[in-house]
C-alpha atoms as a PDB file:
ATOM      1  CA  MET A   1     -53.823 -23.639  25.164  1.00  0.00           C
ATOM      2  CA  ASP A   2     -55.266 -24.291  21.710  1.00  0.00           C
ATOM      3  CA  SER A   3     -56.465 -21.164  19.875  1.00  0.00           C
ATOM      4  CA  ARG A   4     -59.496 -23.179  18.730  1.00  0.00           C
ATOM      5  CA  GLN A   5     -60.788 -22.984  22.290  1.00  0.00           C
ATOM      6  CA  TYR A   6     -61.244 -19.228  21.972  1.00  0.00           C
ATOM      7  CA  PRO A   7     -64.059 -17.244  20.318  1.00  0.00           C
ATOM      8  CA  ILE A   8     -63.668 -16.192  16.685  1.00  0.00           C
ATOM      9  CA  ASP A   9     -60.496 -14.195  15.986  1.00  0.00           C
ATOM     10  CA  PRO A  10     -59.161 -13.645  19.519  1.00  0.00           C
ATOM     11  CA  ILE A  11     -55.933 -11.710  19.987  1.00  0.00           C
ATOM     12  CA  ILE A  12     -53.347 -14.106  21.392  1.00  0.00           C
ATOM     13  CA  LEU A  13     -49.951 -13.326  22.900  1.00  0.00           C
ATOM     14  CA  ARG A  14     -47.859 -16.507  22.824  1.00  0.00           C
ATOM     15  CA  ILE A  15     -44.814 -16.724  25.103  1.00  0.00           C
ATOM     16  CA  ASP A  16     -42.821 -19.942  25.566  1.00  0.00           C
ATOM     17  CA  GLY A  17     -45.700 -21.959  24.133  1.00  0.00           C
ATOM     18  CA  VAL A  18     -48.264 -20.436  26.522  1.00  0.00           C
ATOM     19  CA  ASP A  19     -51.173 -18.446  25.058  1.00  0.00           C
ATOM     20  CA  TRP A  20     -52.469 -15.317  26.773  1.00  0.00           C
ATOM     21  CA  ALA A  21     -55.832 -14.015  25.582  1.00  0.00           C
ATOM     22  CA  TYR A  22     -58.897 -11.953  26.592  1.00  0.00           C
ATOM     23  CA  TRP A  23     -57.062  -8.665  26.790  1.00  0.00           C
ATOM     24  CA  LYS A  24     -58.664  -5.465  28.039  1.00  0.00           C
ATOM     25  CA  SER A  25     -57.212  -3.407  25.185  1.00  0.00           C
ATOM     26  CA  VAL A  26     -55.213  -4.314  22.083  1.00  0.00           C
ATOM     27  CA  GLU A  27     -53.446  -2.299  19.379  1.00  0.00           C
ATOM     28  CA  ILE A  28     -51.520  -3.919  16.515  1.00  0.00           C
ATOM     29  CA  THR A  29     -49.879  -1.805  13.824  1.00  0.00           C
ATOM     30  CA  ARG A  30     -48.608  -2.974  10.447  1.00  0.00           C
ATOM     31  CA  GLN A  31     -47.513  -0.415   7.851  1.00  0.00           C
ATOM     32  CA  MET A  32     -46.317  -0.824   4.279  1.00  0.00           C
ATOM     33  CA  ASP A  33     -43.492   1.651   4.897  1.00  0.00           C
ATOM     34  CA  ALA A  34     -42.414   0.251   8.279  1.00  0.00           C
ATOM     35  CA  ILE A  35     -39.843  -2.514   8.584  1.00  0.00           C
ATOM     36  CA  ALA A  36     -41.381  -3.845  11.823  1.00  0.00           C
ATOM     37  CA  GLY A  37     -44.879  -4.222  13.200  1.00  0.00           C
ATOM     38  CA  THR A  38     -45.738  -3.110  16.728  1.00  0.00           C
ATOM     39  CA  PHE A  39     -48.220  -4.192  19.372  1.00  0.00           C
ATOM     40  CA  SER A  40     -49.545  -2.857  22.657  1.00  0.00           C
ATOM     41  CA  ILE A  41     -51.873  -4.832  24.925  1.00  0.00           C
ATOM     42  CA  SER A  42     -53.110  -4.655  28.503  1.00  0.00           C
ATOM     43  CA  LEU A  43     -54.863  -7.020  30.895  1.00  0.00           C
ATOM     44  CA  ALA A  44     -56.504  -6.240  34.240  1.00  0.00           C
ATOM     45  CA  ASP A  45     -58.038  -8.641  36.779  1.00  0.00           C
ATOM     46  CA  ARG A  46     -59.671  -8.256  40.152  1.00  0.00           C
ATOM     47  CA  TRP A  47     -57.506  -9.043  43.115  1.00  0.00           C
ATOM     48  CA  VAL A  48     -57.505 -12.689  44.197  1.00  0.00           C
ATOM     49  CA  ASN A  49     -55.995 -13.854  47.466  1.00  0.00           C
ATOM     50  CA  GLY A  50     -52.516 -15.186  46.808  1.00  0.00           C
ATOM     51  CA  ALA A  51     -52.435 -13.809  43.236  1.00  0.00           C
ATOM     52  CA  GLN A  52     -48.979 -13.424  41.724  1.00  0.00           C
ATOM     53  CA  ALA A  53     -47.637 -11.183  38.998  1.00  0.00           C
ATOM     54  CA  LEU A  54     -47.999 -12.480  35.454  1.00  0.00           C
ATOM     55  CA  PRO A  55     -44.746 -14.147  34.298  1.00  0.00           C
ATOM     56  CA  ILE A  56     -44.226 -11.652  31.468  1.00  0.00           C
ATOM     57  CA  ALA A  57     -41.142  -9.425  31.274  1.00  0.00           C
ATOM     58  CA  ALA A  58     -39.367  -7.118  28.844  1.00  0.00           C
ATOM     59  CA  GLY A  59     -36.927  -8.895  26.548  1.00  0.00           C
ATOM     60  CA  MET A  60     -38.928 -12.121  26.236  1.00  0.00           C
ATOM     61  CA  GLU A  61     -39.565 -13.573  22.795  1.00  0.00           C
ATOM     62  CA  CYS A  62     -43.213 -13.609  21.775  1.00  0.00           C
ATOM     63  CA  GLU A  63     -45.707 -14.091  18.982  1.00  0.00           C
ATOM     64  CA  VAL A  64     -48.954 -12.236  18.342  1.00  0.00           C
ATOM     65  CA  LEU A  65     -51.774 -14.035  16.552  1.00  0.00           C
ATOM     66  CA  ILE A  66     -55.244 -13.027  15.415  1.00  0.00           C
ATOM     67  CA  GLY A  67     -57.122 -16.285  15.700  1.00  0.00           C
ATOM     68  CA  ARG A  68     -54.814 -18.834  14.089  1.00  0.00           C
ATOM     69  CA  ASP A  69     -53.002 -16.295  11.911  1.00  0.00           C
ATOM     70  CA  PRO A  70     -49.584 -15.044  13.097  1.00  0.00           C
ATOM     71  CA  VAL A  71     -49.177 -11.301  12.535  1.00  0.00           C
ATOM     72  CA  LEU A  72     -46.037 -10.527  14.536  1.00  0.00           C
ATOM     73  CA  LYS A  73     -43.032 -12.381  15.952  1.00  0.00           C
ATOM     74  CA  GLY A  74     -40.407 -10.612  17.966  1.00  0.00           C
ATOM     75  CA  TYR A  75     -39.725  -9.344  21.453  1.00  0.00           C
ATOM     76  CA  ILE A  76     -41.451  -7.574  24.319  1.00  0.00           C
ATOM     77  CA  ASP A  77     -39.906  -4.102  24.532  1.00  0.00           C
ATOM     78  CA  LYS A  78     -41.706  -2.879  27.620  1.00  0.00           C
ATOM     79  CA  SER A  79     -43.648  -4.467  30.464  1.00  0.00           C
ATOM     80  CA  SER A  80     -45.575  -2.221  32.874  1.00  0.00           C
ATOM     81  CA  PRO A  81     -47.345  -3.924  35.786  1.00  0.00           C
ATOM     82  CA  PHE A  82     -49.949  -1.789  37.593  1.00  0.00           C
ATOM     83  CA  PHE A  83     -52.302  -2.120  40.558  1.00  0.00           C
ATOM     84  CA  SER A  84     -55.024  -0.315  42.454  1.00  0.00           C
ATOM     85  CA  ALA A  85     -57.164  -0.994  45.504  1.00  0.00           C
ATOM     86  CA  VAL A  86     -59.479  -3.246  43.502  1.00  0.00           C
ATOM     87  CA  ASP A  87     -57.504  -4.740  40.632  1.00  0.00           C
ATOM     88  CA  HIS A  88     -54.094  -5.373  39.136  1.00  0.00           C
ATOM     89  CA  GLY A  89     -52.775  -6.018  35.661  1.00  0.00           C
ATOM     90  CA  ILE A  90     -50.050  -5.429  33.120  1.00  0.00           C
ATOM     91  CA  SER A  91     -49.469  -3.419  29.953  1.00  0.00           C
ATOM     92  CA  ILE A  92     -47.102  -4.853  27.334  1.00  0.00           C
ATOM     93  CA  SER A  93     -45.660  -3.477  24.114  1.00  0.00           C
ATOM     94  CA  GLY A  94     -43.239  -4.902  21.599  1.00  0.00           C
ATOM     95  CA  ARG A  95     -42.086  -5.117  18.001  1.00  0.00           C
ATOM     96  CA  ASP A  96     -41.188  -7.561  15.276  1.00  0.00           C
ATOM     97  CA  LYS A  97     -37.766  -9.194  15.380  1.00  0.00           C
ATOM     98  CA  SER A  98     -36.863  -7.089  12.334  1.00  0.00           C
ATOM     99  CA  ALA A  99     -36.826  -4.016  14.623  1.00  0.00           C
ATOM    100  CA  ASP A 100     -33.287  -5.080  15.578  1.00  0.00           C
ATOM    101  CA  LEU A 101     -32.169  -3.741  12.205  1.00  0.00           C
ATOM    102  CA  VAL A 102     -33.484  -0.318  13.240  1.00  0.00           C
ATOM    103  CA  ASP A 103     -31.840  -0.359  16.680  1.00  0.00           C
ATOM    104  CA  CYS A 104     -28.428  -1.843  15.858  1.00  0.00           C
ATOM    105  CA  SER A 105     -25.471  -0.719  13.769  1.00  0.00           C
ATOM    106  CA  ALA A 106     -24.422  -2.568  10.644  1.00  0.00           C
ATOM    107  CA  VAL A 107     -21.043  -4.099  11.462  1.00  0.00           C
ATOM    108  CA  HIS A 108     -19.669  -6.325   8.698  1.00  0.00           C
ATOM    109  CA  LYS A 109     -16.226  -7.175   7.391  1.00  0.00           C
ATOM    110  CA  PRO A 110     -15.832  -6.474   4.627  1.00  0.00           C
ATOM    111  CA  GLY A 111     -18.426  -3.719   4.503  1.00  0.00           C
ATOM    112  CA  HIS A 112     -18.189  -3.346   0.728  1.00  0.00           C
ATOM    113  CA  TRP A 113     -19.917  -5.536  -1.863  1.00  0.00           C
ATOM    114  CA  MET A 114     -19.775  -5.613  -5.655  1.00  0.00           C
ATOM    115  CA  ASN A 115     -22.685  -6.624  -7.911  1.00  0.00           C
ATOM    116  CA  VAL A 116     -24.964  -7.460  -4.987  1.00  0.00           C
ATOM    117  CA  THR A 117     -28.747  -7.695  -5.304  1.00  0.00           C
ATOM    118  CA  VAL A 118     -31.020  -6.027  -2.767  1.00  0.00           C
ATOM    119  CA  LEU A 119     -32.199  -9.487  -1.656  1.00  0.00           C
ATOM    120  CA  GLN A 120     -28.626 -10.653  -1.065  1.00  0.00           C
ATOM    121  CA  LEU A 121     -27.756  -7.464   0.820  1.00  0.00           C
ATOM    122  CA  ALA A 122     -30.895  -7.695   2.977  1.00  0.00           C
ATOM    123  CA  GLY A 123     -30.009 -11.280   3.838  1.00  0.00           C
ATOM    124  CA  ILE A 124     -26.471 -10.272   4.834  1.00  0.00           C
ATOM    125  CA  LEU A 125     -27.688  -7.395   7.025  1.00  0.00           C
ATOM    126  CA  GLY A 126     -30.440  -9.469   8.625  1.00  0.00           C
ATOM    127  CA  GLN A 127     -28.367 -12.599   9.301  1.00  0.00           C
ATOM    128  CA  PRO A 128     -26.754 -11.415  12.600  1.00  0.00           C
ATOM    129  CA  PHE A 129     -30.241 -10.811  14.021  1.00  0.00           C
ATOM    130  CA  GLY A 130     -31.841 -14.006  12.798  1.00  0.00           C
ATOM    131  CA  VAL A 131     -34.061 -12.090  10.370  1.00  0.00           C
ATOM    132  CA  SER A 132     -34.821 -14.059   7.209  1.00  0.00           C
ATOM    133  CA  VAL A 133     -35.598 -12.223   3.971  1.00  0.00           C
ATOM    134  CA  THR A 134     -37.682 -13.288   0.974  1.00  0.00           C
ATOM    135  CA  ALA A 135     -38.826 -11.440  -2.135  1.00  0.00           C
ATOM    136  CA  GLU A 136     -41.987 -11.298  -4.217  1.00  0.00           C
ATOM    137  CA  GLY A 137     -41.571 -10.365  -7.860  1.00  0.00           C
ATOM    138  CA  ASP A 138     -38.686  -8.677  -9.651  1.00  0.00           C
ATOM    139  CA  ILE A 139     -36.272  -6.893  -7.304  1.00  0.00           C
ATOM    140  CA  GLY A 140     -34.169  -5.322 -10.022  1.00  0.00           C
ATOM    141  CA  ALA A 141     -30.614  -5.632 -11.234  1.00  0.00           C
ATOM    142  CA  PRO A 142     -27.624  -6.037  -8.899  1.00  0.00           C
ATOM    143  CA  ILE A 143     -26.129  -2.882  -7.415  1.00  0.00           C
ATOM    144  CA  PRO A 144     -22.646  -2.422  -8.962  1.00  0.00           C
ATOM    145  CA  SER A 145     -21.061  -1.235  -5.706  1.00  0.00           C
ATOM    146  CA  PHE A 146     -22.451  -0.858  -2.205  1.00  0.00           C
ATOM    147  CA  LYS A 147     -20.505   0.274   0.863  1.00  0.00           C
ATOM    148  CA  LEU A 148     -21.597   0.694   4.470  1.00  0.00           C
ATOM    149  CA  GLU A 149     -21.290   4.160   5.957  1.00  0.00           C
ATOM    150  CA  GLN A 150     -19.629   4.625   9.322  1.00  0.00           C
ATOM    151  CA  GLY A 151     -22.099   4.372  12.214  1.00  0.00           C
ATOM    152  CA  GLU A 152     -25.261   3.730  10.211  1.00  0.00           C
ATOM    153  CA  THR A 153     -27.771   1.167  11.393  1.00  0.00           C
ATOM    154  CA  ALA A 154     -28.529  -1.993   9.453  1.00  0.00           C
ATOM    155  CA  PHE A 155     -31.867  -0.537   8.368  1.00  0.00           C
ATOM    156  CA  GLU A 156     -30.324   2.753   7.226  1.00  0.00           C
ATOM    157  CA  ALA A 157     -27.953   0.797   4.998  1.00  0.00           C
ATOM    158  CA  LEU A 158     -30.751  -1.423   3.682  1.00  0.00           C
ATOM    159  CA  ASP A 159     -33.001   1.582   3.101  1.00  0.00           C
ATOM    160  CA  ARG A 160     -30.411   3.191   0.821  1.00  0.00           C
ATOM    161  CA  ALA A 161     -30.357   0.052  -1.293  1.00  0.00           C
ATOM    162  CA  LEU A 162     -34.151  -0.247  -1.320  1.00  0.00           C
ATOM    163  CA  LYS A 163     -34.542   3.275  -2.677  1.00  0.00           C
ATOM    164  CA  LEU A 164     -32.110   2.547  -5.509  1.00  0.00           C
ATOM    165  CA  ARG A 165     -34.430  -0.197  -6.790  1.00  0.00           C
ATOM    166  CA  GLU A 166     -37.800   1.280  -5.630  1.00  0.00           C
ATOM    167  CA  ILE A 167     -38.493  -1.641  -3.301  1.00  0.00           C
ATOM    168  CA  LEU A 168     -40.364  -1.829   0.007  1.00  0.00           C
ATOM    169  CA  ALA A 169     -39.339  -4.044   2.937  1.00  0.00           C
ATOM    170  CA  CYS A 170     -42.319  -5.222   4.989  1.00  0.00           C
ATOM    171  CA  PRO A 171     -42.598  -7.572   7.986  1.00  0.00           C
ATOM    172  CA  ASP A 172     -43.858 -11.045   7.019  1.00  0.00           C
ATOM    173  CA  GLY A 173     -45.595 -11.766  10.328  1.00  0.00           C
ATOM    174  CA  ALA A 174     -43.032 -14.415  11.287  1.00  0.00           C
ATOM    175  CA  GLY A 175     -40.130 -12.190  12.349  1.00  0.00           C
ATOM    176  CA  GLY A 176     -38.688 -11.857   8.852  1.00  0.00           C
ATOM    177  CA  LEU A 177     -38.924  -9.439   5.945  1.00  0.00           C
ATOM    178  CA  VAL A 178     -40.474  -9.638   2.500  1.00  0.00           C
ATOM    179  CA  LEU A 179     -39.266  -7.372  -0.317  1.00  0.00           C
ATOM    180  CA  LEU A 180     -41.941  -5.959  -2.625  1.00  0.00           C
ATOM    181  CA  LYS A 181     -41.518  -4.014  -5.840  1.00  0.00           C
ATOM    182  CA  VAL A 182     -43.438  -0.736  -5.687  1.00  0.00           C
ATOM    183  CA  GLY A 183     -46.469  -0.927  -7.980  1.00  0.00           C
ATOM    184  CA  ALA A 184     -45.877  -4.570  -8.947  1.00  0.00           C
ATOM    185  CA  ARG A 185     -49.151  -5.746  -7.412  1.00  0.00           C
ATOM    186  CA  GLN A 186     -52.593  -4.186  -7.249  1.00  0.00           C
ATOM    187  CA  ASN A 187     -55.500  -4.883  -4.956  1.00  0.00           C
ATOM    188  CA  ASP A 188     -58.784  -5.518  -6.760  1.00  0.00           C
ATOM    189  CA  THR A 189     -60.821  -5.118  -3.574  1.00  0.00           C
ATOM    190  CA  THR A 190     -63.143  -2.110  -3.553  1.00  0.00           C
ATOM    191  CA  LEU A 191     -62.866   0.054  -0.451  1.00  0.00           C
ATOM    192  CA  LYS A 192     -66.310   1.108   0.743  1.00  0.00           C
ATOM    193  CA  GLN A 193     -67.314   3.110   3.787  1.00  0.00           C
ATOM    194  CA  GLY A 194     -69.494   1.080   6.119  1.00  0.00           C
ATOM    195  CA  ASP A 195     -68.468  -2.186   4.444  1.00  0.00           C
ATOM    196  CA  ASN A 196     -64.749  -2.861   4.761  1.00  0.00           C
ATOM    197  CA  ILE A 197     -63.929   0.648   6.033  1.00  0.00           C
ATOM    198  CA  LEU A 198     -65.532   0.888   9.448  1.00  0.00           C
ATOM    199  CA  ILE A 199     -63.803   3.970  10.836  1.00  0.00           C
ATOM    200  CA  GLY A 200     -61.733   6.778   9.402  1.00  0.00           C
ATOM    201  CA  GLY A 201     -60.601  10.334   9.924  1.00  0.00           C
ATOM    202  CA  CYS A 202     -58.111  12.967   8.909  1.00  0.00           C
ATOM    203  CA  THR A 203     -56.286  15.983  10.253  1.00  0.00           C
ATOM    204  CA  VAL A 204     -56.123  19.269   8.318  1.00  0.00           C
ATOM    205  CA  TYR A 205     -53.509  21.890   9.137  1.00  0.00           C
ATOM    206  CA  ALA A 206     -53.535  25.562   8.175  1.00  0.00           C
ATOM    207  CA  VAL A 207     -50.337  26.393   6.285  1.00  0.00           C
ATOM    208  CA  GLU A 208     -49.875  30.009   5.306  1.00  0.00           C
ATOM    209  CA  ILE A 209     -46.494  30.971   3.879  1.00  0.00           C
ATOM    210  CA  GLU A 210     -46.406  34.335   2.214  1.00  0.00           C
ATOM    211  CA  GLY A 211     -42.823  34.081   1.101  1.00  0.00           C
ATOM    212  CA  ARG A 212     -39.209  33.225   1.854  1.00  0.00           C
ATOM    213  CA  LYS A 213     -36.318  35.661   1.879  1.00  0.00           C
ATOM    214  CA  VAL A 214     -32.869  34.505   0.738  1.00  0.00           C
ATOM    215  CA  VAL A 215     -29.828  36.084   2.380  1.00  0.00           C
ATOM    216  CA  GLY A 216     -26.260  35.033   1.599  1.00  0.00           C
ATOM    217  CA  LEU A 217     -22.617  36.020   1.213  1.00  0.00           C
ATOM    218  CA  SER A 218     -20.561  36.453  -1.931  1.00  0.00           C
ATOM    219  CA  VAL A 219     -17.143  37.852  -2.877  1.00  0.00           C
ATOM    220  CA  VAL A 220     -16.908  41.043  -4.948  1.00  0.00           C
ATOM    221  CA  ASN A 221     -13.433  42.476  -5.680  1.00  0.00           C
ATOM    222  CA  ASN A 222     -11.928  40.338  -2.891  1.00  0.00           C
ATOM    223  CA  LYS A 223     -14.465  41.674  -0.388  1.00  0.00           C
ATOM    224  CA  ALA A 224     -16.995  39.693   1.626  1.00  0.00           C
ATOM    225  CA  VAL A 225     -20.322  41.169   0.645  1.00  0.00           C
ATOM    226  CA  ALA A 226     -23.719  40.506   2.221  1.00  0.00           C
ATOM    227  CA  ARG A 227     -26.476  40.037  -0.319  1.00  0.00           C
ATOM    228  CA  GLY A 228     -30.096  40.142   0.751  1.00  0.00           C
ATOM    229  CA  PRO A 229     -32.909  40.109   0.831  1.00  0.00           C
ATOM    230  CA  GLN A 230     -32.290  39.160  -2.784  1.00  0.00           C
ATOM    231  CA  THR A 231     -35.248  37.029  -3.754  1.00  0.00           C
ATOM    232  CA  VAL A 232     -38.650  36.418  -2.230  1.00  0.00           C
ATOM    233  CA  PHE A 233     -40.319  33.123  -3.122  1.00  0.00           C
ATOM    234  CA  LYS A 234     -44.080  33.547  -3.091  1.00  0.00           C
ATOM    235  CA  ASN A 235     -46.966  31.176  -3.632  1.00  0.00           C
ATOM    236  CA  LYS A 236     -47.476  32.291  -7.221  1.00  0.00           C
ATOM    237  CA  GLY A 237     -43.916  32.608  -8.448  1.00  0.00           C
ATOM    238  CA  ILE A 238     -40.709  34.482  -7.705  1.00  0.00           C
ATOM    239  CA  VAL A 239     -40.618  38.199  -7.035  1.00  0.00           C
ATOM    240  CA  HIS A 240     -37.284  40.053  -7.179  1.00  0.00           C
ATOM    241  CA  THR A 241     -37.152  42.783  -4.529  1.00  0.00           C
ATOM    242  CA  GLY A 242     -33.722  44.209  -5.210  1.00  0.00           C
ATOM    243  CA  VAL A 243     -30.266  43.828  -3.657  1.00  0.00           C
ATOM    244  CA  PHE A 244     -28.350  45.819  -1.071  1.00  0.00           C
ATOM    245  CA  ARG A 245     -24.663  45.393  -0.337  1.00  0.00           C
ATOM    246  CA  ALA A 246     -22.604  46.043   2.762  1.00  0.00           C
ATOM    247  CA  ASP A 247     -18.802  45.937   3.057  1.00  0.00           C
ATOM    248  CA  LEU A 248     -17.989  43.445   5.859  1.00  0.00           C
ATOM    249  CA  ARG A 249     -14.231  44.092   5.996  1.00  0.00           C
ATOM    250  CA  PRO A 250     -12.924  45.325   9.362  1.00  0.00           C
ATOM    251  CA  GLN A 251     -12.029  48.988   9.334  1.00  0.00           C
END
């Protein structure tokens, strides 16, 4: 089906060239500090004689579009069909293809590179998963030496490199990643409540910490000595409360 057949800006789930639209509920999340976008959608219909389950299953490749604009390309993580006496439907959730870097270990031989840029490293780590990587702006000088740590995921390795050069990795809406230098670009759009901010909220927690007591061990004249409470850290500075000692040697 052609997205131009739908009303303005419909949410479309595209699987194997087939478009699914008119969902009962939709949630799409894209974050600047998240390597993969997520989506969750559900559809419910009244029972029809001879109706069959929708041909949608976990593990299938998919795309999510808002109107004609692709915002996510990846896989369905979870498919949850449901039914009642009067209707049936399905709930679906998934993530960008780049989520594979979060789920899977980084296994490369060799796992050590010299004078590698963050863009080159991201391309190497993303290649086994079919995740392409591009960059906008200056990504900094090459890293003199970078080595994978035993058991870390591809994203954990990439994240270490990103922090060295103060770079963010964001999903590009097509299953790949785009690297952005922190603070390199600014948005000139004014944010205004009731105009381009339609809903908002916050959560405020009560945090009351009067102080922290530090207790430790030290060696005095070849004896294990307990020291504490030695220092109390308070909101407005450090207060010394004195020291007591106890001989811990067996008698």
